[in-house]
Amino acid sequence: MKTPSNTSITDELLIDYINRFYINDVDARLQLFDLKTTYTFMTQPGVDQYNMPLYSFESTDQGNDIRSYPVYQGFLDPCYINGVAVPLYTQRNSFFNIYPNVVQNFQGIAQGNDGNFFNFQIPILSPSTQPQNPPFNAILRGHIDTSGIIYIGDNDAQDPPLMSISSIPNNSSNINIPVTSMKPAVYISTIDNSGNNMVMTDSGIFFEENVNEGLLITPGNPPLGNKYANSGYSSEADIVGITLGNPTVVQLAVPVFFEGQSVLLDEIVGTTELNGNTYLITAVNGFFISLDVDSTSFTPYVSDGVASTISQNFVNYLTGEVNVIFPFFVPAGNNINVQVNFFEGGLPRAILFYDNVLTLRSPPAQQYLVELAAYLTPAAFLSSSQALPFGYMSEYIARGAARKILSDTGDIEQFNFYEPFFREQEMLVWKRSQRQWTATRTPTIYSQGFGQQAAFNNLGGGTI
């Protein structure tokens, strides 16, 4: 397809036409033996959902951005996890009928106190700050699907999205990810002092400082109604005074902390014994906070100092700790409820491929190697120094993309001129695939090999 300049039809548009032709128009039988490969990745302990991989920002050439294209068109058998063959499902009902997500509903896990900050432990998990290694039991995590990752990624397609605590907006601004792309798995709910529902959920975004802690958000309506937590994910205040004693009383420039939070003290001149240490806030009185440390013998305060929270508005999926600041006060005695999906991890024995997401059951207890047969999209070959593996496929794809362009531009004369050449090339590709099919025997009950029936394998007839 020739045009006078790149202005008429840009390289990006040509790549789009080529990919759409190959992905949408080419018969699956013609793709079966071409651009077929194996997709492999390592699981992360406790993470059960993995997006179909996208091309990274670095996979561009001459300005051709292909991040919006998945690396693979789809997956198919055989699938292996740590070398063990597992079934691949493409229907959610079949998969979840066997591996259901059982919701654990905790009514009254905490109670209101006329405040809005709460820190509590989900009782199904150990309160230990050092989770089991590997985590044999944990809470399922929220997830952001592929389209959400494309939407948030200015420089790359990070999966899952990680954000530094210091970079997250400290207010209830909208999140730049479509509501329909965020799939929460943890729900925290209560009733405010006006009788309205208050709901916080996890987001599928995680702290860079601890990838096992998920950001809690306030859910909203599509398209971009989800909001960051009202009080943000960290708080910081300058210290203007310290009264030594037991407890230690710290005077702040601004009142940003709550009773029950842990704060890190640093940059203090004078009472340097407090620097670099984290203390629990036992009481809050306006600009003054009381800390659970006896500083009677410490050096008197001179000046400066900063108090900051390590993190807030998060759920730890491995320890069950929840730290939440609701948008409004929760009246004393009102129940705070939690709904989560609890699981016991292990070696996954099945994979669901649905909506460009791979879901594993059981969720992995440690790092496992996953291998799936996959079909590549041609995008990588068209934006790099590589070539398509078969020359005849290159000509077929080029003629098919030109055919779509001529059809869209309404150039009927050129379309009719090129159509016989396109059909001729398509027939050549089809014949080659048919030859491959001819060389493939149809399996029967007698062609499986010794010991392949009744859950036995070839390794001496032992069970898998």
Protein backbone atom coordinates (compact mmCIF):
# COMPACT_ATOMS: atom_id res chain seq x y z
CA MET A 1 0.00 0.00 0.00
CA LYS A 2 1.74 3.20 -1.19
CA THR A 3 0.96 6.74 -0.06
CA PRO A 4 2.70 10.03 -0.89
CA SER A 5 3.91 10.63 2.68
CA ASN A 6 3.65 9.58 6.29
CA THR A 7 1.13 12.38 6.75
CA SER A 8 -1.44 10.60 4.56
CA ILE A 9 -1.27 7.31 6.45
CA THR A 10 0.96 7.29 9.52
CA ASP A 11 3.12 4.38 10.57
CA GLU A 12 0.98 3.99 13.69
CA LEU A 13 -2.16 3.68 11.56
CA LEU A 14 -0.52 1.09 9.31
CA ILE A 15 0.47 -0.98 12.34
CA ASP A 16 -3.09 -0.73 13.60
CA TYR A 17 -4.49 -1.98 10.28
CA ILE A 18 -2.00 -4.85 10.14
CA ASN A 19 -2.73 -5.99 13.67
CA ARG A 20 -6.49 -5.70 13.26
CA PHE A 21 -6.37 -7.73 10.05
CA TYR A 22 -4.29 -10.50 11.59
CA ILE A 23 -6.16 -10.63 14.90
CA ASN A 24 -9.72 -10.19 13.62
CA ASP A 25 -9.82 -11.41 10.02
CA VAL A 26 -7.37 -14.29 9.66
CA ASP A 27 -8.90 -17.73 10.11
CA ALA A 28 -7.62 -19.39 13.29
CA ARG A 29 -6.59 -22.44 11.24
CA LEU A 30 -4.14 -20.26 9.31
CA GLN A 31 -2.59 -19.01 12.54
CA LEU A 32 -2.22 -22.41 14.15
CA PHE A 33 1.37 -23.06 13.06
CA ASP A 34 2.52 -19.48 12.55
CA LEU A 35 3.47 -17.05 15.31
CA LYS A 36 2.79 -19.79 17.82
CA THR A 37 4.95 -19.80 20.91
CA THR A 38 5.03 -20.54 24.64
CA TYR A 39 4.24 -17.92 27.26
CA THR A 40 6.04 -18.48 30.55
CA PHE A 41 5.98 -16.52 33.79
CA MET A 42 6.63 -16.99 37.49
CA THR A 43 3.80 -16.65 39.95
CA GLN A 44 3.99 -14.37 42.98
CA PRO A 45 2.96 -15.86 46.33
CA GLY A 46 -0.65 -15.04 47.12
CA VAL A 47 -1.37 -13.42 43.72
CA ASP A 48 -4.05 -15.33 41.82
CA GLN A 49 -4.76 -13.09 38.77
CA TYR A 50 -2.34 -12.15 35.97
CA ASN A 51 -3.11 -9.94 32.98
CA MET A 52 -2.27 -10.96 29.45
CA PRO A 53 1.12 -9.26 29.02
CA LEU A 54 1.34 -5.99 27.11
CA TYR A 55 4.24 -4.62 25.15
CA SER A 56 6.33 -2.30 27.29
CA PHE A 57 7.07 1.32 26.50
CA GLU A 58 10.56 0.33 25.41
CA SER A 59 9.15 -1.97 22.69
CA THR A 60 8.71 0.92 20.28
CA ASP A 61 10.67 1.81 17.21
CA GLN A 62 10.64 5.07 15.27
CA GLY A 63 7.82 6.43 17.42
CA ASN A 64 5.48 3.46 16.88
CA ASP A 65 3.78 2.98 20.23
CA ILE A 66 2.30 -0.52 20.54
CA ARG A 67 1.54 -0.59 24.26
CA SER A 68 -2.17 -1.01 23.57
CA TYR A 69 -1.56 -4.38 21.91
CA PRO A 70 -1.28 -7.53 24.00
CA VAL A 71 1.76 -9.67 23.31
CA TYR A 72 -0.47 -12.69 22.72
CA GLN A 73 -3.84 -13.14 21.04
CA GLY A 74 -4.86 -15.98 23.30
CA PHE A 75 -3.81 -19.14 25.06
CA LEU A 76 -4.56 -22.82 24.55
CA ASP A 77 -3.58 -26.23 25.82
CA PRO A 78 -1.17 -27.61 26.81
CA CYS A 79 -0.65 -25.73 30.09
CA TYR A 80 1.88 -26.66 32.75
CA ILE A 81 2.56 -25.40 36.26
CA ASN A 82 5.93 -26.54 37.58
CA GLY A 83 5.84 -29.20 34.86
CA VAL A 84 2.45 -30.59 35.90
CA ALA A 85 -0.23 -30.50 33.18
CA VAL A 86 -3.31 -28.51 34.25
CA PRO A 87 -6.60 -27.82 32.43
CA LEU A 88 -7.29 -24.45 30.80
CA TYR A 89 -10.83 -23.07 31.21
CA THR A 90 -12.38 -20.29 29.15
CA GLN A 91 -15.84 -20.30 30.79
CA ARG A 92 -16.20 -18.64 34.19
CA ASN A 93 -19.16 -20.74 35.26
CA SER A 94 -17.34 -24.02 34.66
CA PHE A 95 -14.23 -22.81 36.49
CA PHE A 96 -15.91 -21.27 39.53
CA ASN A 97 -18.34 -24.16 39.92
CA ILE A 98 -15.26 -26.21 40.78
CA TYR A 99 -13.22 -23.46 42.46
CA PRO A 100 -15.76 -21.06 44.04
CA ASN A 101 -14.78 -17.79 45.71
CA VAL A 102 -16.36 -18.28 49.13
CA VAL A 103 -17.01 -14.89 50.77
CA GLN A 104 -16.11 -14.59 54.45
CA ASN A 105 -18.49 -12.09 56.06
CA PHE A 106 -17.35 -10.56 59.35
CA GLN A 107 -20.12 -8.60 61.08
CA GLY A 108 -18.96 -6.24 63.80
CA ILE A 109 -15.23 -6.82 63.36
CA ALA A 110 -14.87 -3.38 64.99
CA GLN A 111 -17.25 -0.79 66.38
CA GLY A 112 -17.61 2.94 65.90
CA ASN A 113 -16.21 5.37 68.47
CA ASP A 114 -17.48 8.71 67.12
CA GLY A 115 -14.26 8.91 65.10
CA ASN A 116 -13.26 7.80 61.62
CA PHE A 117 -9.87 6.05 62.10
CA PHE A 118 -9.80 2.29 62.72
CA ASN A 119 -7.07 -0.31 62.82
CA PHE A 120 -8.08 -3.94 63.28
CA GLN A 121 -7.15 -7.50 62.45
CA ILE A 122 -9.15 -9.85 60.21
CA PRO A 123 -9.38 -12.88 62.53
CA ILE A 124 -8.90 -15.62 59.92
CA LEU A 125 -5.21 -14.71 59.58
CA SER A 126 -2.34 -14.62 62.03
CA PRO A 127 -1.69 -11.18 63.58
CA SER A 128 2.04 -11.78 63.15
CA THR A 129 3.88 -8.96 61.40
CA GLN A 130 6.03 -11.63 59.74
CA PRO A 131 3.69 -13.64 57.48
CA GLN A 132 4.18 -17.30 56.74
CA ASN A 133 6.77 -17.98 54.07
CA PRO A 134 5.34 -19.22 51.83
CA PRO A 135 1.87 -17.85 52.76
CA PHE A 136 -0.21 -20.98 53.12
CA ASN A 137 -3.30 -18.87 53.77
CA ALA A 138 -4.11 -15.30 52.83
CA ILE A 139 -6.78 -12.98 51.41
CA LEU A 140 -7.50 -12.66 47.70
CA ARG A 141 -6.37 -9.35 46.24
CA GLY A 142 -8.15 -6.76 44.17
CA HIS A 143 -7.13 -6.64 40.53
CA ILE A 144 -6.87 -4.14 37.67
CA ASP A 145 -7.38 -5.62 34.22
CA THR A 146 -5.38 -4.86 31.10
CA SER A 147 -7.39 -1.85 29.94
CA GLY A 148 -6.90 -0.16 33.30
CA ILE A 149 -3.14 -0.70 33.13
CA ILE A 150 -3.03 0.87 29.66
CA TYR A 151 -5.02 3.81 30.96
CA ILE A 152 -2.79 4.55 33.95
CA GLY A 153 0.58 3.84 32.34
CA ASP A 154 2.25 6.95 30.93
CA ASN A 155 5.65 5.32 30.66
CA ASP A 156 5.00 1.61 30.85
CA ALA A 157 2.31 -1.00 31.37
CA GLN A 158 3.09 -1.95 34.95
CA ASP A 159 1.26 -5.04 36.15
CA PRO A 160 0.17 -4.77 38.90
CA PRO A 161 0.28 -0.98 39.34
CA LEU A 162 2.63 0.06 42.17
CA MET A 163 2.69 3.54 43.70
CA SER A 164 5.02 5.10 46.25
CA ILE A 165 3.25 6.31 49.37
CA SER A 166 4.72 9.77 48.91
CA SER A 167 3.39 10.04 45.33
CA ILE A 168 -0.27 9.19 46.06
CA PRO A 169 -2.60 12.22 46.28
CA ASN A 170 -3.39 13.09 49.90
CA ASN A 171 -7.03 13.84 49.10
CA SER A 172 -10.13 12.28 47.55
CA SER A 173 -9.26 13.07 43.92
CA ASN A 174 -10.47 10.71 41.20
CA ILE A 175 -8.29 7.76 40.19
CA ASN A 176 -7.12 7.75 36.59
CA ILE A 177 -8.28 4.17 36.00
CA PRO A 178 -11.70 3.17 34.62
CA VAL A 179 -14.10 1.96 37.30
CA THR A 180 -14.90 -1.04 35.09
CA SER A 181 -11.23 -2.08 35.12
CA MET A 182 -10.93 -2.21 38.92
CA LYS A 183 -12.07 -5.51 40.47
CA PRO A 184 -12.07 -5.21 44.29
CA ALA A 185 -11.86 -8.25 46.55
CA VAL A 186 -12.04 -6.62 50.01
CA TYR A 187 -15.09 -4.63 51.18
CA ILE A 188 -15.18 -2.61 54.43
CA SER A 189 -18.57 -1.11 55.29
CA THR A 190 -20.38 0.76 58.04
CA ILE A 191 -23.09 3.38 58.63
CA ASP A 192 -22.19 7.06 59.13
CA ASN A 193 -23.80 9.50 61.55
CA SER A 194 -26.43 10.42 58.94
CA GLY A 195 -27.50 6.81 58.43
CA ASN A 196 -25.82 6.46 55.03
CA ASN A 197 -23.68 3.58 53.85
CA MET A 198 -19.93 4.10 53.91
CA VAL A 199 -17.94 1.60 51.85
CA MET A 200 -14.19 1.30 51.31
CA THR A 201 -12.70 -1.32 48.99
CA ASP A 202 -9.27 -2.41 47.87
CA SER A 203 -8.17 -1.21 44.46
CA GLY A 204 -5.66 -3.52 42.75
CA ILE A 205 -3.00 -0.84 43.35
CA PHE A 206 -0.22 -1.65 45.81
CA PHE A 207 2.42 0.23 47.78
CA GLU A 208 5.92 0.15 46.32
CA GLU A 209 7.16 0.05 49.90
CA ASN A 210 5.18 -3.17 50.57
CA VAL A 211 3.55 -4.94 47.60
CA ASN A 212 1.45 -7.04 49.99
CA GLU A 213 -0.42 -3.91 51.12
CA GLY A 214 -3.27 -2.79 48.86
CA LEU A 215 -4.60 0.77 48.68
CA LEU A 216 -8.11 1.24 50.01
CA ILE A 217 -10.34 3.53 47.93
CA THR A 218 -13.84 5.00 47.95
CA PRO A 219 -15.82 3.34 45.12
CA GLY A 220 -17.76 5.49 42.66
CA ASN A 221 -19.63 5.37 39.37
CA PRO A 222 -18.15 4.89 35.88
CA PRO A 223 -16.22 6.08 34.04
CA LEU A 224 -13.68 7.47 36.58
CA GLY A 225 -15.71 7.74 39.78
CA ASN A 226 -13.40 5.81 42.12
CA LYS A 227 -11.56 8.13 44.50
CA TYR A 228 -8.42 7.93 46.57
CA ALA A 229 -9.03 7.71 50.32
CA ASN A 230 -10.17 11.02 51.79
CA SER A 231 -7.23 11.23 54.23
CA GLY A 232 -4.64 9.92 51.78
CA TYR A 233 -2.07 7.21 52.39
CA SER A 234 0.42 9.10 54.55
CA SER A 235 0.34 12.07 56.90
CA GLU A 236 3.15 14.37 57.97
CA ALA A 237 3.42 17.29 60.35
CA ASP A 238 6.23 19.46 61.67
CA ILE A 239 7.01 19.18 65.35
CA VAL A 240 7.02 22.49 67.29
CA GLY A 241 7.39 21.19 70.83
CA ILE A 242 7.98 18.07 72.96
CA THR A 243 7.07 17.59 76.63
CA LEU A 244 9.19 14.87 78.21
CA GLY A 245 7.52 12.33 80.44
CA ASN A 246 5.47 9.16 80.38
CA PRO A 247 3.69 9.39 78.02
CA THR A 248 5.64 11.76 75.80
CA VAL A 249 3.52 14.65 74.47
CA VAL A 250 4.38 16.08 71.05
CA GLN A 251 3.01 19.40 69.79
CA LEU A 252 2.41 19.58 66.01
CA ALA A 253 2.07 22.43 63.54
CA VAL A 254 -1.10 20.86 62.09
CA PRO A 255 -3.50 18.25 63.59
CA VAL A 256 -3.39 15.36 61.10
CA PHE A 257 -3.11 12.21 63.23
CA PHE A 258 -5.56 9.88 64.97
CA GLU A 259 -5.44 7.87 68.16
CA GLY A 260 -4.20 4.36 67.41
CA GLN A 261 -1.91 5.36 64.54
CA SER A 262 1.82 4.71 64.57
CA VAL A 263 4.11 7.65 63.77
CA LEU A 264 7.77 7.89 62.83
CA LEU A 265 9.77 10.74 64.44
CA ASP A 266 12.86 12.22 62.83
CA GLU A 267 15.00 15.37 62.38
CA ILE A 268 14.50 16.42 66.01
CA VAL A 269 17.12 18.73 67.51
CA GLY A 270 17.61 18.14 71.20
CA THR A 271 15.56 15.05 72.00
CA THR A 272 17.52 13.00 69.49
CA GLU A 273 16.67 9.77 71.33
CA LEU A 274 13.31 9.83 69.53
CA ASN A 275 14.76 10.11 66.02
CA GLY A 276 14.23 7.15 63.72
CA ASN A 277 11.75 5.44 66.05
CA THR A 278 8.09 4.59 65.58
CA TYR A 279 5.59 5.07 68.42
CA LEU A 280 1.88 4.41 68.96
CA ILE A 281 -0.39 7.43 69.44
CA THR A 282 -2.32 6.78 72.66
CA ALA A 283 -4.28 10.06 72.75
CA VAL A 284 -4.99 13.07 70.54
CA ASN A 285 -5.94 16.51 71.84
CA GLY A 286 -6.00 19.04 69.02
CA PHE A 287 -2.39 19.85 68.09
CA PHE A 288 -1.01 17.54 70.82
CA ILE A 289 -0.43 13.78 70.54
CA SER A 290 0.60 11.42 73.34
CA LEU A 291 3.09 8.66 72.51
CA ASP A 292 3.68 5.35 74.32
CA VAL A 293 7.28 6.10 75.31
CA ASP A 294 8.79 7.18 78.62
CA SER A 295 11.11 10.10 77.77
CA THR A 296 11.66 11.33 81.33
CA SER A 297 15.45 10.89 81.10
CA PHE A 298 15.81 12.10 77.50
CA THR A 299 17.58 15.28 76.35
CA PRO A 300 15.27 18.34 76.38
CA TYR A 301 13.73 19.43 73.09
CA VAL A 302 15.42 22.29 71.22
CA SER A 303 13.79 22.66 67.80
CA ASP A 304 12.62 21.09 64.53
CA GLY A 305 11.42 17.55 63.93
CA VAL A 306 8.94 15.76 61.69
CA ALA A 307 6.24 13.22 62.58
CA SER A 308 4.88 11.00 59.80
CA THR A 309 2.77 7.89 59.37
CA ILE A 310 4.39 4.90 57.71
CA SER A 311 1.21 4.06 55.79
CA GLN A 312 -2.55 4.36 56.17
CA ASN A 313 -5.71 3.31 54.34
CA PHE A 314 -4.41 -0.12 53.40
CA VAL A 315 -5.15 -3.81 53.79
CA ASN A 316 -2.34 -6.31 54.25
CA TYR A 317 -3.33 -9.46 52.37
CA LEU A 318 -0.88 -11.73 54.18
CA THR A 319 -1.33 -10.59 57.79
CA GLY A 320 -4.96 -9.45 57.72
CA GLU A 321 -4.21 -5.98 59.15
CA VAL A 322 -6.65 -3.27 58.04
CA ASN A 323 -5.93 0.42 58.53
CA VAL A 324 -8.82 2.61 57.37
CA ILE A 325 -9.89 6.24 57.70
CA PHE A 326 -13.56 6.63 56.71
CA PRO A 327 -14.72 9.86 55.03
CA PHE A 328 -17.11 10.60 57.94
CA PHE A 329 -17.38 9.76 61.62
CA VAL A 330 -18.77 6.38 62.65
CA PRO A 331 -21.18 6.73 65.62
CA ALA A 332 -20.28 4.87 68.79
CA GLY A 333 -21.54 1.28 68.69
CA ASN A 334 -22.11 1.09 64.93
CA ASN A 335 -20.71 -2.12 63.47
CA ILE A 336 -17.82 -2.07 61.00
CA ASN A 337 -18.10 -5.06 58.68
CA VAL A 338 -15.62 -6.76 56.35
CA GLN A 339 -16.14 -9.11 53.40
CA VAL A 340 -13.14 -10.96 51.98
CA ASN A 341 -12.27 -14.11 50.05
CA PHE A 342 -10.04 -16.32 52.18
CA PHE A 343 -7.92 -19.03 50.58
CA GLU A 344 -5.32 -21.64 51.37
CA GLY A 345 -2.51 -21.47 48.86
CA GLY A 346 -0.78 -24.34 47.15
CA LEU A 347 0.32 -25.60 43.74
CA PRO A 348 -2.32 -24.30 41.25
CA ARG A 349 -4.16 -27.12 39.47
CA ALA A 350 -6.30 -25.15 36.98
CA ILE A 351 -6.17 -21.93 34.93
CA LEU A 352 -9.05 -19.73 33.77
CA PHE A 353 -8.45 -17.44 30.77
CA TYR A 354 -11.25 -14.88 30.68
CA ASP A 355 -11.36 -11.18 29.76
CA ASN A 356 -7.60 -11.17 29.04
CA VAL A 357 -6.88 -12.32 32.61
CA LEU A 358 -5.35 -15.61 33.78
CA THR A 359 -6.78 -16.79 37.12
CA LEU A 360 -5.07 -19.59 39.04
CA ARG A 361 -6.64 -22.02 41.52
CA SER A 362 -5.45 -22.65 44.09
CA PRO A 363 -3.72 -19.28 44.43
CA PRO A 364 0.01 -19.96 44.44
CA ALA A 365 1.70 -20.44 47.81
CA GLN A 366 5.10 -19.61 46.34
CA GLN A 367 6.84 -18.97 43.02
CA TYR A 368 5.79 -21.51 40.38
CA LEU A 369 6.67 -21.67 36.69
CA VAL A 370 3.61 -21.38 34.43
CA GLU A 371 3.82 -22.39 30.75
CA LEU A 372 1.01 -21.94 28.21
CA ALA A 373 0.83 -22.40 24.46
CA ALA A 374 0.09 -18.98 22.96
CA TYR A 375 -0.43 -17.10 19.71
CA LEU A 376 1.71 -14.00 19.22
CA THR A 377 0.32 -10.81 17.76
CA PRO A 378 2.47 -9.50 14.89
CA ALA A 379 2.98 -6.15 16.62
CA ALA A 380 6.42 -7.00 18.00
CA PHE A 381 7.76 -8.01 14.60
CA LEU A 382 6.44 -4.85 12.98
CA SER A 383 8.07 -2.47 15.48
CA SER A 384 11.49 -4.03 15.82
CA SER A 385 14.39 -5.30 13.74
CA GLN A 386 12.93 -8.83 13.74
CA ALA A 387 11.14 -10.28 10.71
CA LEU A 388 8.08 -12.44 10.49
CA PRO A 389 9.18 -16.09 10.65
CA PHE A 390 7.72 -16.94 7.23
CA GLY A 391 7.97 -14.72 4.17
CA TYR A 392 4.70 -15.93 2.68
CA MET A 393 2.89 -14.82 5.85
CA SER A 394 4.41 -11.36 5.56
CA GLU A 395 2.99 -10.94 2.06
CA TYR A 396 -0.40 -12.27 3.14
CA ILE A 397 -0.59 -9.88 6.12
CA ALA A 398 0.55 -6.93 3.98
CA ARG A 399 -2.09 -7.63 1.31
CA GLY A 400 -4.78 -8.10 3.95
CA ALA A 401 -3.98 -4.80 5.67
CA ALA A 402 -3.94 -2.99 2.29
CA ARG A 403 -7.33 -4.53 1.53
CA LYS A 404 -8.77 -3.09 4.76
CA ILE A 405 -7.32 0.36 4.05
CA LEU A 406 -8.75 0.43 0.51
CA SER A 407 -12.11 -0.69 1.84
CA ASP A 408 -12.18 2.01 4.53
CA THR A 409 -11.08 4.77 2.12
CA GLY A 410 -13.64 3.70 -0.50
CA ASP A 411 -11.05 3.14 -3.26
CA ILE A 412 -13.13 0.48 -5.04
CA GLU A 413 -11.00 0.45 -8.19
CA GLN A 414 -7.79 -0.36 -6.31
CA PHE A 415 -9.66 -2.78 -4.05
CA ASN A 416 -10.91 -4.78 -7.01
CA PHE A 417 -7.42 -4.72 -8.55
CA TYR A 418 -5.75 -6.13 -5.41
CA GLU A 419 -8.47 -8.59 -4.42
CA PRO A 420 -7.33 -11.46 -6.75
CA PHE A 421 -3.78 -11.17 -5.40
CA PHE A 422 -5.05 -11.26 -1.82
CA ARG A 423 -7.17 -14.36 -2.51
CA GLU A 424 -4.26 -16.07 -4.23
CA GLN A 425 -1.96 -15.46 -1.27
CA GLU A 426 -4.63 -16.55 1.20
CA MET A 427 -5.02 -19.84 -0.67
CA LEU A 428 -1.27 -20.45 -0.52
CA VAL A 429 -1.25 -19.88 3.24
CA TRP A 430 -4.30 -22.09 3.66
CA LYS A 431 -2.65 -24.92 1.68
CA ARG A 432 0.41 -24.85 3.88
CA SER A 433 -1.68 -25.09 7.03
CA GLN A 434 -3.65 -27.97 5.51
CA ARG A 435 -0.38 -29.84 4.90
CA GLN A 436 0.46 -29.38 8.58
CA TRP A 437 -2.94 -30.75 9.54
CA THR A 438 -2.47 -33.73 7.24
CA ALA A 439 0.72 -34.66 9.08
CA THR A 440 -1.12 -34.66 12.42
CA ARG A 441 -2.74 -37.95 13.39
CA THR A 442 -6.05 -37.98 15.17
CA PRO A 443 -5.43 -39.54 18.61
CA THR A 444 -7.33 -42.66 19.61
CA ILE A 445 -7.55 -44.70 22.77
CA TYR A 446 -4.72 -46.83 21.39
CA SER A 447 -2.35 -43.95 20.54
CA GLN A 448 -1.81 -42.45 23.98
CA GLY A 449 1.20 -44.54 24.92
CA PHE A 450 1.79 -46.91 27.81
CA GLY A 451 0.47 -45.83 31.17
CA GLN A 452 -1.34 -42.70 29.94
CA GLN A 453 -4.80 -43.72 31.11
CA ALA A 454 -6.41 -43.49 34.54
CA ALA A 455 -4.19 -40.65 35.83
CA PHE A 456 -0.96 -42.59 35.16
CA ASN A 457 2.03 -41.31 33.26
CA ASN A 458 5.05 -42.75 31.46
CA LEU A 459 7.34 -42.45 34.44
CA GLY A 460 6.99 -46.04 35.58
CA GLY A 461 3.20 -45.98 35.85
CA GLY A 462 3.11 -43.82 38.98
CA THR A 463 0.33 -41.37 39.69
CA ILE A 464 0.83 -37.69 38.98
